[in-house]
PDB file of N, CA and C in Angstrom:
ATOM      1  N   MET A   1      96.232 -59.101  59.249  1.00  0.00           N
ATOM      2  CA  MET A   1      97.213 -58.382  58.950  1.00  0.00           C
ATOM      3  C   MET A   1      97.862 -57.520  57.263  1.00  0.00           C
ATOM      4  N   LEU A   2      98.222 -56.653  57.497  1.00  0.00           N
ATOM      5  CA  LEU A   2      98.483 -55.604  56.332  1.00  0.00           C
ATOM      6  C   LEU A   2      99.889 -55.575  55.778  1.00  0.00           C
ATOM      7  N   ILE A   3     100.038 -56.145  55.154  1.00  0.00           N
ATOM      8  CA  ILE A   3     101.209 -56.531  54.316  1.00  0.00           C
ATOM      9  C   ILE A   3     102.140 -55.376  53.112  1.00  0.00           C
ATOM     10  N   PHE A   4     103.060 -54.768  53.426  1.00  0.00           N
ATOM     11  CA  PHE A   4     104.254 -54.030  52.591  1.00  0.00           C
ATOM     12  C   PHE A   4     105.079 -54.690  52.109  1.00  0.00           C
ATOM     13  N   ILE A   5     105.401 -54.620  50.723  1.00  0.00           N
ATOM     14  CA  ILE A   5     106.473 -54.849  50.118  1.00  0.00           C
ATOM     15  C   ILE A   5     107.274 -53.650  49.933  1.00  0.00           C
ATOM     16  N   ASP A   6     108.641 -52.989  49.493  1.00  0.00           N
ATOM     17  CA  ASP A   6     109.071 -52.406  49.179  1.00  0.00           C
ATOM     18  C   ASP A   6     110.098 -52.698  48.577  1.00  0.00           C
ATOM     19  N   ALA A   7     111.090 -53.766  48.721  1.00  0.00           N
ATOM     20  CA  ALA A   7     112.056 -54.227  47.662  1.00  0.00           C
ATOM     21  C   ALA A   7     111.885 -55.851  48.474  1.00  0.00           C
ATOM     22  N   ALA A   8     112.988 -56.473  47.876  1.00  0.00           N
ATOM     23  CA  ALA A   8     112.831 -57.684  48.096  1.00  0.00           C
ATOM     24  C   ALA A   8     113.377 -58.342  49.604  1.00  0.00           C
ATOM     25  N   ASP A   9     114.484 -57.006  50.387  1.00  0.00           N
ATOM     26  CA  ASP A   9     114.548 -57.227  51.631  1.00  0.00           C
ATOM     27  C   ASP A   9     114.282 -56.297  52.261  1.00  0.00           C
ATOM     28  N   ASP A  10     113.172 -55.720  51.866  1.00  0.00           N
ATOM     29  CA  ASP A  10     112.235 -54.169  53.059  1.00  0.00           C
ATOM     30  C   ASP A  10     111.003 -54.690  52.604  1.00  0.00           C
ATOM     31  N   ALA A  11     110.132 -55.099  53.935  1.00  0.00           N
ATOM     32  CA  ALA A  11     109.024 -55.434  54.076  1.00  0.00           C
ATOM     33  C   ALA A  11     108.504 -54.963  55.491  1.00  0.00           C
ATOM     34  N   ALA A  12     107.093 -54.927  55.476  1.00  0.00           N
ATOM     35  CA  ALA A  12     106.572 -54.844  56.938  1.00  0.00           C
ATOM     36  C   ALA A  12     105.514 -55.484  56.627  1.00  0.00           C
ATOM     37  N   CYS A  13     104.766 -56.074  57.732  1.00  0.00           N
ATOM     38  CA  CYS A  13     103.724 -56.707  58.299  1.00  0.00           C
ATOM     39  C   CYS A  13     103.043 -56.067  59.615  1.00  0.00           C
ATOM     40  N   TYR A  14     101.899 -55.697  59.514  1.00  0.00           N
ATOM     41  CA  TYR A  14     101.356 -55.446  60.753  1.00  0.00           C
ATOM     42  C   TYR A  14      99.876 -55.843  61.055  1.00  0.00           C
ATOM     43  N   PRO A  15      99.605 -55.918  62.194  1.00  0.00           N
ATOM     44  CA  PRO A  15      98.061 -56.489  62.212  1.00  0.00           C
ATOM     45  C   PRO A  15      97.147 -55.155  62.476  1.00  0.00           C
ATOM     46  N   LEU A  16      96.223 -55.429  62.066  1.00  0.00           N
ATOM     47  CA  LEU A  16      95.112 -54.312  62.101  1.00  0.00           C
ATOM     48  C   LEU A  16      95.103 -53.278  63.064  1.00  0.00           C
ATOM     49  N   SER A  17      95.190 -53.794  64.545  1.00  0.00           N
ATOM     50  CA  SER A  17      95.294 -53.029  65.463  1.00  0.00           C
ATOM     51  C   SER A  17      96.577 -52.563  65.692  1.00  0.00           C
ATOM     52  N   ALA A  18      97.239 -52.590  65.052  1.00  0.00           N
ATOM     53  CA  ALA A  18      98.705 -51.533  64.988  1.00  0.00           C
ATOM     54  C   ALA A  18      98.172 -50.035  64.216  1.00  0.00           C
ATOM     55  N   PHE A  19      96.960 -50.120  63.122  1.00  0.00           N
ATOM     56  CA  PHE A  19      97.103 -49.271  62.215  1.00  0.00           C
ATOM     57  C   PHE A  19      96.272 -48.006  63.123  1.00  0.00           C
ATOM     58  N   ALA A  20      97.098 -47.122  62.635  1.00  0.00           N
ATOM     59  CA  ALA A  20      96.753 -45.829  63.557  1.00  0.00           C
ATOM     60  C   ALA A  20      95.941 -44.803  62.838  1.00  0.00           C
ATOM     61  N   GLY A  21      96.260 -44.863  61.286  1.00  0.00           N
ATOM     62  CA  GLY A  21      95.344 -43.744  60.564  1.00  0.00           C
ATOM     63  C   GLY A  21      95.977 -43.469  59.252  1.00  0.00           C
ATOM     64  N   MET A  22      95.426 -43.175  58.344  1.00  0.00           N
ATOM     65  CA  MET A  22      96.299 -42.335  57.540  1.00  0.00           C
ATOM     66  C   MET A  22      95.603 -40.822  57.066  1.00  0.00           C
ATOM     67  N   THR A  23      96.896 -40.461  56.274  1.00  0.00           N
ATOM     68  CA  THR A  23      96.616 -38.883  55.947  1.00  0.00           C
ATOM     69  C   THR A  23      97.000 -38.435  54.468  1.00  0.00           C
ATOM     70  N   VAL A  24      96.436 -37.366  54.085  1.00  0.00           N
ATOM     71  CA  VAL A  24      97.369 -37.117  52.642  1.00  0.00           C
ATOM     72  C   VAL A  24      98.195 -35.824  52.952  1.00  0.00           C
ATOM     73  N   ALA A  25      99.686 -36.367  52.737  1.00  0.00           N
ATOM     74  CA  ALA A  25     100.652 -35.249  53.079  1.00  0.00           C
ATOM     75  C   ALA A  25     100.997 -34.214  51.973  1.00  0.00           C
ATOM     76  N   ALA A  26     100.188 -34.770  50.997  1.00  0.00           N
ATOM     77  CA  ALA A  26     100.129 -33.767  49.654  1.00  0.00           C
ATOM     78  C   ALA A  26      99.592 -34.557  48.231  1.00  0.00           C
ATOM     79  N   ASP A  27      99.730 -33.484  47.401  1.00  0.00           N
ATOM     80  CA  ASP A  27      99.416 -34.630  46.169  1.00  0.00           C
ATOM     81  C   ASP A  27     100.278 -35.547  46.006  1.00  0.00           C
ATOM     82  N   ALA A  28      99.454 -36.656  45.882  1.00  0.00           N
ATOM     83  CA  ALA A  28      99.922 -37.920  45.547  1.00  0.00           C
ATOM     84  C   ALA A  28     100.853 -38.777  46.507  1.00  0.00           C
ATOM     85  N   THR A  29     100.384 -38.132  47.962  1.00  0.00           N
ATOM     86  CA  THR A  29     101.212 -38.920  48.683  1.00  0.00           C
ATOM     87  C   THR A  29     100.356 -38.920  50.093  1.00  0.00           C
ATOM     88  N   ILE A  30     100.339 -40.179  50.402  1.00  0.00           N
ATOM     89  CA  ILE A  30      99.635 -40.516  51.519  1.00  0.00           C
ATOM     90  C   ILE A  30     100.461 -41.206  52.405  1.00  0.00           C
ATOM     91  N   LYS A  31     100.045 -40.793  53.703  1.00  0.00           N
ATOM     92  CA  LYS A  31     100.846 -41.291  54.753  1.00  0.00           C
ATOM     93  C   LYS A  31     100.083 -42.503  55.773  1.00  0.00           C
ATOM     94  N   MET A  32     100.624 -43.536  55.945  1.00  0.00           N
ATOM     95  CA  MET A  32      99.894 -44.638  56.645  1.00  0.00           C
ATOM     96  C   MET A  32     100.480 -44.837  58.144  1.00  0.00           C
ATOM     97  N   TRP A  33     100.153 -44.419  59.091  1.00  0.00           N
ATOM     98  CA  TRP A  33     100.844 -44.809  60.584  1.00  0.00           C
ATOM     99  C   TRP A  33     100.674 -46.096  61.107  1.00  0.00           C
ATOM    100  N   PHE A  34     101.460 -46.641  61.960  1.00  0.00           N
ATOM    101  CA  PHE A  34     101.233 -47.576  62.696  1.00  0.00           C
ATOM    102  C   PHE A  34     102.165 -47.617  63.826  1.00  0.00           C
ATOM    103  N   ASN A  35     101.548 -48.391  65.065  1.00  0.00           N
ATOM    104  CA  ASN A  35     102.409 -48.556  66.282  1.00  0.00           C
ATOM    105  C   ASN A  35     103.762 -48.981  65.853  1.00  0.00           C
ATOM    106  N   SER A  36     104.514 -48.550  66.729  1.00  0.00           N
ATOM    107  CA  SER A  36     105.888 -48.999  66.131  1.00  0.00           C
ATOM    108  C   SER A  36     106.326 -50.433  66.495  1.00  0.00           C
ATOM    109  N   SER A  37     107.098 -50.967  65.236  1.00  0.00           N
ATOM    110  CA  SER A  37     107.444 -52.339  65.579  1.00  0.00           C
ATOM    111  C   SER A  37     108.528 -52.768  66.150  1.00  0.00           C
ATOM    112  N   ILE A  38     109.303 -51.740  66.817  1.00  0.00           N
ATOM    113  CA  ILE A  38     110.645 -51.718  67.309  1.00  0.00           C
ATOM    114  C   ILE A  38     110.115 -51.204  68.746  1.00  0.00           C
ATOM    115  N   ALA A  39     109.647 -50.301  69.346  1.00  0.00           N
ATOM    116  CA  ALA A  39     109.736 -49.787  70.435  1.00  0.00           C
ATOM    117  C   ALA A  39     108.257 -50.335  71.136  1.00  0.00           C
ATOM    118  N   GLY A  40     107.371 -51.208  69.946  1.00  0.00           N
ATOM    119  CA  GLY A  40     106.403 -51.974  70.710  1.00  0.00           C
ATOM    120  C   GLY A  40     104.924 -51.009  70.940  1.00  0.00           C
ATOM    121  N   GLY A  41     105.319 -49.705  70.513  1.00  0.00           N
ATOM    122  CA  GLY A  41     104.229 -48.704  70.578  1.00  0.00           C
ATOM    123  C   GLY A  41     103.922 -48.707  71.917  1.00  0.00           C
ATOM    124  N   ASP A  42     104.583 -49.185  72.768  1.00  0.00           N
ATOM    125  CA  ASP A  42     104.572 -48.651  74.135  1.00  0.00           C
ATOM    126  C   ASP A  42     105.283 -47.435  74.727  1.00  0.00           C
ATOM    127  N   GLY A  43     105.913 -46.638  74.111  1.00  0.00           N
ATOM    128  CA  GLY A  43     106.480 -45.384  74.628  1.00  0.00           C
ATOM    129  C   GLY A  43     107.767 -45.757  74.879  1.00  0.00           C
ATOM    130  N   ALA A  44     108.436 -46.832  75.101  1.00  0.00           N
ATOM    131  CA  ALA A  44     109.858 -47.233  75.037  1.00  0.00           C
ATOM    132  C   ALA A  44     111.018 -46.419  74.487  1.00  0.00           C
ATOM    133  N   GLY A  45     110.562 -45.747  73.206  1.00  0.00           N
ATOM    134  CA  GLY A  45     111.487 -45.005  72.497  1.00  0.00           C
ATOM    135  C   GLY A  45     111.343 -44.598  71.155  1.00  0.00           C
ATOM    136  N   GLY A  46     112.198 -43.442  70.602  1.00  0.00           N
ATOM    137  CA  GLY A  46     111.864 -43.333  69.032  1.00  0.00           C
ATOM    138  C   GLY A  46     110.390 -42.599  68.818  1.00  0.00           C
ATOM    139  N   ASN A  47     110.213 -42.593  67.934  1.00  0.00           N
ATOM    140  CA  ASN A  47     108.943 -41.936  67.361  1.00  0.00           C
ATOM    141  C   ASN A  47     107.518 -42.262  67.632  1.00  0.00           C
ATOM    142  N   GLU A  48     107.979 -43.815  68.239  1.00  0.00           N
ATOM    143  CA  GLU A  48     106.793 -44.339  68.831  1.00  0.00           C
ATOM    144  C   GLU A  48     105.603 -44.762  67.844  1.00  0.00           C
ATOM    145  N   ALA A  49     105.932 -44.298  66.224  1.00  0.00           N
ATOM    146  CA  ALA A  49     105.276 -44.642  65.295  1.00  0.00           C
ATOM    147  C   ALA A  49     105.948 -45.638  63.892  1.00  0.00           C
ATOM    148  N   ASP A  50     105.759 -46.268  63.074  1.00  0.00           N
ATOM    149  CA  ASP A  50     106.043 -46.409  61.715  1.00  0.00           C
ATOM    150  C   ASP A  50     105.312 -46.197  60.541  1.00  0.00           C
ATOM    151  N   LEU A  51     105.992 -45.661  59.366  1.00  0.00           N
ATOM    152  CA  LEU A  51     105.351 -44.959  58.742  1.00  0.00           C
ATOM    153  C   LEU A  51     105.438 -45.660  57.537  1.00  0.00           C
ATOM    154  N   VAL A  52     104.114 -45.849  56.793  1.00  0.00           N
ATOM    155  CA  VAL A  52     104.372 -46.124  55.260  1.00  0.00           C
ATOM    156  C   VAL A  52     104.039 -45.247  54.201  1.00  0.00           C
ATOM    157  N   THR A  53     104.496 -44.688  53.461  1.00  0.00           N
ATOM    158  CA  THR A  53     104.652 -43.458  52.505  1.00  0.00           C
ATOM    159  C   THR A  53     104.085 -44.051  50.957  1.00  0.00           C
ATOM    160  N   VAL A  54     102.874 -43.883  51.163  1.00  0.00           N
ATOM    161  CA  VAL A  54     101.724 -44.512  49.599  1.00  0.00           C
ATOM    162  C   VAL A  54     102.227 -43.287  48.618  1.00  0.00           C
ATOM    163  N   THR A  55     102.914 -43.752  47.612  1.00  0.00           N
ATOM    164  CA  THR A  55     102.417 -42.757  46.470  1.00  0.00           C
ATOM    165  C   THR A  55     101.861 -43.108  45.193  1.00  0.00           C
ATOM    166  N   CYS A  56     100.803 -42.497  44.830  1.00  0.00           N
ATOM    167  CA  CYS A  56      99.933 -42.475  44.032  1.00  0.00           C
ATOM    168  C   CYS A  56      99.549 -41.431  42.986  1.00  0.00           C
ATOM    169  N   THR A  57      99.141 -41.692  41.714  1.00  0.00           N
ATOM    170  CA  THR A  57      98.540 -40.772  40.452  1.00  0.00           C
ATOM    171  C   THR A  57      97.995 -39.054  41.166  1.00  0.00           C
ATOM    172  N   SER A  58      98.419 -38.727  40.804  1.00  0.00           N
ATOM    173  CA  SER A  58      97.737 -37.451  41.260  1.00  0.00           C
ATOM    174  C   SER A  58      96.500 -37.226  41.083  1.00  0.00           C
ATOM    175  N   ASN A  59      96.091 -36.461  42.184  1.00  0.00           N
ATOM    176  CA  ASN A  59      94.345 -36.425  42.932  1.00  0.00           C
ATOM    177  C   ASN A  59      93.607 -37.675  42.654  1.00  0.00           C
ATOM    178  N   SER A  60      94.332 -38.784  43.240  1.00  0.00           N
ATOM    179  CA  SER A  60      93.594 -40.183  42.986  1.00  0.00           C
ATOM    180  C   SER A  60      93.868 -40.567  44.915  1.00  0.00           C
ATOM    181  N   GLU A  61      93.908 -39.673  45.743  1.00  0.00           N
ATOM    182  CA  GLU A  61      94.094 -39.937  46.871  1.00  0.00           C
ATOM    183  C   GLU A  61      92.560 -40.929  47.666  1.00  0.00           C
ATOM    184  N   LEU A  62      91.604 -40.337  47.503  1.00  0.00           N
ATOM    185  CA  LEU A  62      90.588 -40.563  48.028  1.00  0.00           C
ATOM    186  C   LEU A  62      89.830 -41.986  47.475  1.00  0.00           C
ATOM    187  N   ALA A  63      90.581 -42.170  46.325  1.00  0.00           N
ATOM    188  CA  ALA A  63      90.323 -43.368  45.689  1.00  0.00           C
ATOM    189  C   ALA A  63      90.913 -44.237  46.567  1.00  0.00           C
ATOM    190  N   VAL A  64      92.343 -44.141  46.310  1.00  0.00           N
ATOM    191  CA  VAL A  64      93.368 -45.289  47.148  1.00  0.00           C
ATOM    192  C   VAL A  64      92.565 -45.425  48.722  1.00  0.00           C
ATOM    193  N   PHE A  65      92.009 -43.975  49.431  1.00  0.00           N
ATOM    194  CA  PHE A  65      91.837 -44.521  50.790  1.00  0.00           C
ATOM    195  C   PHE A  65      90.489 -45.575  50.801  1.00  0.00           C
ATOM    196  N   LYS A  66      89.726 -45.207  49.747  1.00  0.00           N
ATOM    197  CA  LYS A  66      88.652 -46.213  49.682  1.00  0.00           C
ATOM    198  C   LYS A  66      89.057 -47.517  49.729  1.00  0.00           C
ATOM    199  N   SER A  67      89.819 -47.804  48.413  1.00  0.00           N
ATOM    200  CA  SER A  67      90.414 -48.974  48.043  1.00  0.00           C
ATOM    201  C   SER A  67      90.818 -49.518  49.617  1.00  0.00           C
ATOM    202  N   ILE A  68      91.716 -49.288  50.362  1.00  0.00           N
ATOM    203  CA  ILE A  68      92.390 -49.572  51.218  1.00  0.00           C
ATOM    204  C   ILE A  68      91.617 -50.151  52.595  1.00  0.00           C
ATOM    205  N   ALA A  69      90.379 -49.052  52.486  1.00  0.00           N
ATOM    206  CA  ALA A  69      89.225 -49.132  53.720  1.00  0.00           C
ATOM    207  C   ALA A  69      88.557 -50.789  53.189  1.00  0.00           C
ATOM    208  N   ALA A  70      88.300 -50.667  51.707  1.00  0.00           N
ATOM    209  CA  ALA A  70      87.277 -51.784  51.571  1.00  0.00           C
ATOM    210  C   ALA A  70      88.092 -53.055  51.488  1.00  0.00           C
ATOM    211  N   ALA A  71      89.190 -52.914  51.424  1.00  0.00           N
ATOM    212  CA  ALA A  71      90.219 -54.302  51.685  1.00  0.00           C
ATOM    213  C   ALA A  71      90.297 -54.435  52.675  1.00  0.00           C
ATOM    214  N   ILE A  72      90.611 -53.868  53.883  1.00  0.00           N
ATOM    215  CA  ILE A  72      90.192 -53.834  55.289  1.00  0.00           C
ATOM    216  C   ILE A  72      88.803 -54.668  55.682  1.00  0.00           C
ATOM    217  N   ASN A  73      88.263 -54.158  55.083  1.00  0.00           N
ATOM    218  CA  ASN A  73      86.797 -54.495  55.921  1.00  0.00           C
ATOM    219  C   ASN A  73      86.602 -55.580  55.114  1.00  0.00           C
ATOM    220  N   ASN A  74      86.886 -56.055  53.571  1.00  0.00           N
ATOM    221  CA  ASN A  74      86.860 -57.260  53.341  1.00  0.00           C
ATOM    222  C   ASN A  74      87.486 -58.280  53.825  1.00  0.00           C
ATOM    223  N   ALA A  75      88.634 -58.266  54.225  1.00  0.00           N
ATOM    224  CA  ALA A  75      89.930 -59.122  55.444  1.00  0.00           C
ATOM    225  C   ALA A  75      88.824 -59.238  56.658  1.00  0.00           C
ATOM    226  N   GLN A  76      88.312 -58.069  57.386  1.00  0.00           N
ATOM    227  CA  GLN A  76      87.555 -58.608  58.372  1.00  0.00           C
ATOM    228  C   GLN A  76      86.110 -59.504  58.273  1.00  0.00           C
ATOM    229  N   ARG A  77      85.539 -59.251  57.515  1.00  0.00           N
ATOM    230  CA  ARG A  77      84.665 -60.142  57.419  1.00  0.00           C
ATOM    231  C   ARG A  77      85.294 -61.522  56.852  1.00  0.00           C
ATOM    232  N   ASN A  78      86.214 -61.492  56.426  1.00  0.00           N
ATOM    233  CA  ASN A  78      86.896 -62.957  56.135  1.00  0.00           C
ATOM    234  C   ASN A  78      86.865 -63.413  54.658  1.00  0.00           C
ATOM    235  N   LEU A  79      86.778 -62.481  53.913  1.00  0.00           N
ATOM    236  CA  LEU A  79      86.660 -62.536  52.855  1.00  0.00           C
ATOM    237  C   LEU A  79      87.788 -62.436  51.742  1.00  0.00           C
ATOM    238  N   SER A  80      89.127 -62.579  52.658  1.00  0.00           N
ATOM    239  CA  SER A  80      90.651 -62.743  52.208  1.00  0.00           C
ATOM    240  C   SER A  80      91.270 -63.855  53.395  1.00  0.00           C
ATOM    241  N   PRO A  81      92.129 -63.959  52.691  1.00  0.00           N
ATOM    242  CA  PRO A  81      93.089 -65.500  53.962  1.00  0.00           C
ATOM    243  C   PRO A  81      93.867 -64.721  55.320  1.00  0.00           C
ATOM    244  N   GLY A  82      93.292 -63.884  55.460  1.00  0.00           N
ATOM    245  CA  GLY A  82      93.715 -63.361  56.628  1.00  0.00           C
ATOM    246  C   GLY A  82      94.659 -62.603  56.681  1.00  0.00           C
ATOM    247  N   PHE A  83      94.746 -61.810  55.435  1.00  0.00           N
ATOM    248  CA  PHE A  83      96.023 -60.697  55.384  1.00  0.00           C
ATOM    249  C   PHE A  83      95.592 -59.768  53.903  1.00  0.00           C
ATOM    250  N   VAL A  84      95.819 -58.927  53.570  1.00  0.00           N
ATOM    251  CA  VAL A  84      95.854 -57.859  52.817  1.00  0.00           C
ATOM    252  C   VAL A  84      97.302 -57.329  52.357  1.00  0.00           C
ATOM    253  N   VAL A  85      97.742 -57.466  50.944  1.00  0.00           N
ATOM    254  CA  VAL A  85      98.964 -56.810  50.117  1.00  0.00           C
ATOM    255  C   VAL A  85      98.309 -55.312  49.842  1.00  0.00           C
ATOM    256  N   ILE A  86      98.477 -54.659  51.357  1.00  0.00           N
ATOM    257  CA  ILE A  86      98.345 -53.019  50.406  1.00  0.00           C
ATOM    258  C   ILE A  86      99.136 -52.938  49.119  1.00  0.00           C
ATOM    259  N   ALA A  87     100.373 -53.124  49.368  1.00  0.00           N
ATOM    260  CA  ALA A  87     101.420 -52.566  48.404  1.00  0.00           C
ATOM    261  C   ALA A  87     102.698 -53.680  47.984  1.00  0.00           C
ATOM    262  N   ASP A  88     102.699 -53.833  46.892  1.00  0.00           N
ATOM    263  CA  ASP A  88     103.974 -54.622  46.744  1.00  0.00           C
ATOM    264  C   ASP A  88     104.839 -54.426  45.632  1.00  0.00           C
ATOM    265  N   ASP A  89     106.026 -53.810  45.725  1.00  0.00           N
ATOM    266  CA  ASP A  89     106.517 -52.774  44.920  1.00  0.00           C
ATOM    267  C   ASP A  89     107.171 -54.064  43.773  1.00  0.00           C
ATOM    268  N   VAL A  90     107.575 -55.059  44.398  1.00  0.00           N
ATOM    269  CA  VAL A  90     108.599 -56.299  43.665  1.00  0.00           C
ATOM    270  C   VAL A  90     107.838 -56.313  42.684  1.00  0.00           C
ATOM    271  N   ASN A  91     106.023 -56.931  43.014  1.00  0.00           N
ATOM    272  CA  ASN A  91     105.535 -57.741  41.516  1.00  0.00           C
ATOM    273  C   ASN A  91     104.410 -56.846  41.370  1.00  0.00           C
ATOM    274  N   SER A  92     104.759 -54.997  41.549  1.00  0.00           N
ATOM    275  CA  SER A  92     103.805 -54.258  41.245  1.00  0.00           C
ATOM    276  C   SER A  92     102.241 -54.727  41.301  1.00  0.00           C
ATOM    277  N   THR A  93     101.896 -55.120  42.692  1.00  0.00           N
ATOM    278  CA  THR A  93     100.702 -55.577  42.891  1.00  0.00           C
ATOM    279  C   THR A  93     100.207 -54.776  43.805  1.00  0.00           C
ATOM    280  N   TYR A  94      99.219 -53.583  43.516  1.00  0.00           N
ATOM    281  CA  TYR A  94      98.416 -53.051  44.715  1.00  0.00           C
ATOM    282  C   TYR A  94      96.976 -52.998  44.990  1.00  0.00           C
ATOM    283  N   VAL A  95      96.741 -52.969  46.113  1.00  0.00           N
ATOM    284  CA  VAL A  95      95.483 -52.976  46.304  1.00  0.00           C
ATOM    285  C   VAL A  95      94.039 -51.925  45.814  1.00  0.00           C
ATOM    286  N   ASP A  96      95.088 -50.782  44.829  1.00  0.00           N
ATOM    287  CA  ASP A  96      94.544 -49.697  44.031  1.00  0.00           C
ATOM    288  C   ASP A  96      95.341 -49.595  42.976  1.00  0.00           C
ATOM    289  N   SER A  97      94.604 -49.467  41.739  1.00  0.00           N
ATOM    290  CA  SER A  97      95.825 -49.333  40.498  1.00  0.00           C
ATOM    291  C   SER A  97      96.403 -48.005  40.616  1.00  0.00           C
ATOM    292  N   ASN A  98      96.082 -46.997  41.168  1.00  0.00           N
ATOM    293  CA  ASN A  98      96.453 -45.506  41.436  1.00  0.00           C
ATOM    294  C   ASN A  98      97.368 -45.380  42.265  1.00  0.00           C
ATOM    295  N   ILE A  99      98.080 -46.757  43.258  1.00  0.00           N
ATOM    296  CA  ILE A  99      99.164 -46.725  43.725  1.00  0.00           C
ATOM    297  C   ILE A  99     100.216 -46.912  42.777  1.00  0.00           C
ATOM    298  N   THR A 100     101.438 -46.327  42.966  1.00  0.00           N
ATOM    299  CA  THR A 100     102.730 -46.611  42.094  1.00  0.00           C
ATOM    300  C   THR A 100     103.929 -46.828  42.959  1.00  0.00           C
ATOM    301  N   GLY A 101     103.942 -46.846  44.306  1.00  0.00           N
ATOM    302  CA  GLY A 101     105.219 -47.175  44.967  1.00  0.00           C
ATOM    303  C   GLY A 101     104.519 -46.853  46.268  1.00  0.00           C
ATOM    304  N   ILE A 102     105.652 -47.441  46.994  1.00  0.00           N
ATOM    305  CA  ILE A 102     105.848 -47.067  48.682  1.00  0.00           C
ATOM    306  C   ILE A 102     107.274 -47.171  49.313  1.00  0.00           C
ATOM    307  N   ALA A 103     107.326 -46.283  50.346  1.00  0.00           N
ATOM    308  CA  ALA A 103     108.318 -46.426  51.250  1.00  0.00           C
ATOM    309  C   ALA A 103     108.206 -46.700  52.606  1.00  0.00           C
ATOM    310  N   ILE A 104     108.947 -47.632  53.241  1.00  0.00           N
ATOM    311  CA  ILE A 104     108.573 -48.129  54.590  1.00  0.00           C
ATOM    312  C   ILE A 104     109.701 -47.072  55.539  1.00  0.00           C
ATOM    313  N   THR A 105     109.407 -46.325  56.572  1.00  0.00           N
ATOM    314  CA  THR A 105     110.612 -46.083  57.630  1.00  0.00           C
ATOM    315  C   THR A 105     109.683 -46.530  58.626  1.00  0.00           C
ATOM    316  N   LEU A 106     110.869 -47.265  59.463  1.00  0.00           N
ATOM    317  CA  LEU A 106     110.329 -47.912  60.574  1.00  0.00           C
ATOM    318  C   LEU A 106     111.033 -46.949  61.878  1.00  0.00           C
ATOM    319  N   ASP A 107     110.405 -46.900  63.012  1.00  0.00           N
ATOM    320  CA  ASP A 107     110.682 -45.972  64.159  1.00  0.00           C
ATOM    321  C   ASP A 107     112.326 -46.426  64.501  1.00  0.00           C
ATOM    322  N   THR A 108     112.405 -44.917  65.021  1.00  0.00           N
ATOM    323  CA  THR A 108     113.929 -44.890  65.405  1.00  0.00           C
ATOM    324  C   THR A 108     114.318 -44.536  66.148  1.00  0.00           C
TER     325      THR A 108
END
């Protein structure tokens, strides 16, 4: 499970199987796409994808990509408790020190 916490009452948790990929949208901006948690990824409506926008320090996108991939790999190898906190804005805990914040946008 991949966990994202944007605020005390704004969080998302996705199984790795829902992860569709990530792209660099602009300098310091990474977009992570997940199968819709609302439409169930079944094409039942909306955009059929949830988006987590990860903000990071300028020109650190590759380092953040690698840290996210390494954390996921470690979780798959049972080197974590079954979940990975990618970003927690409430406690300022991130899988990479270059991450400065996130925003969660659910399929609408």
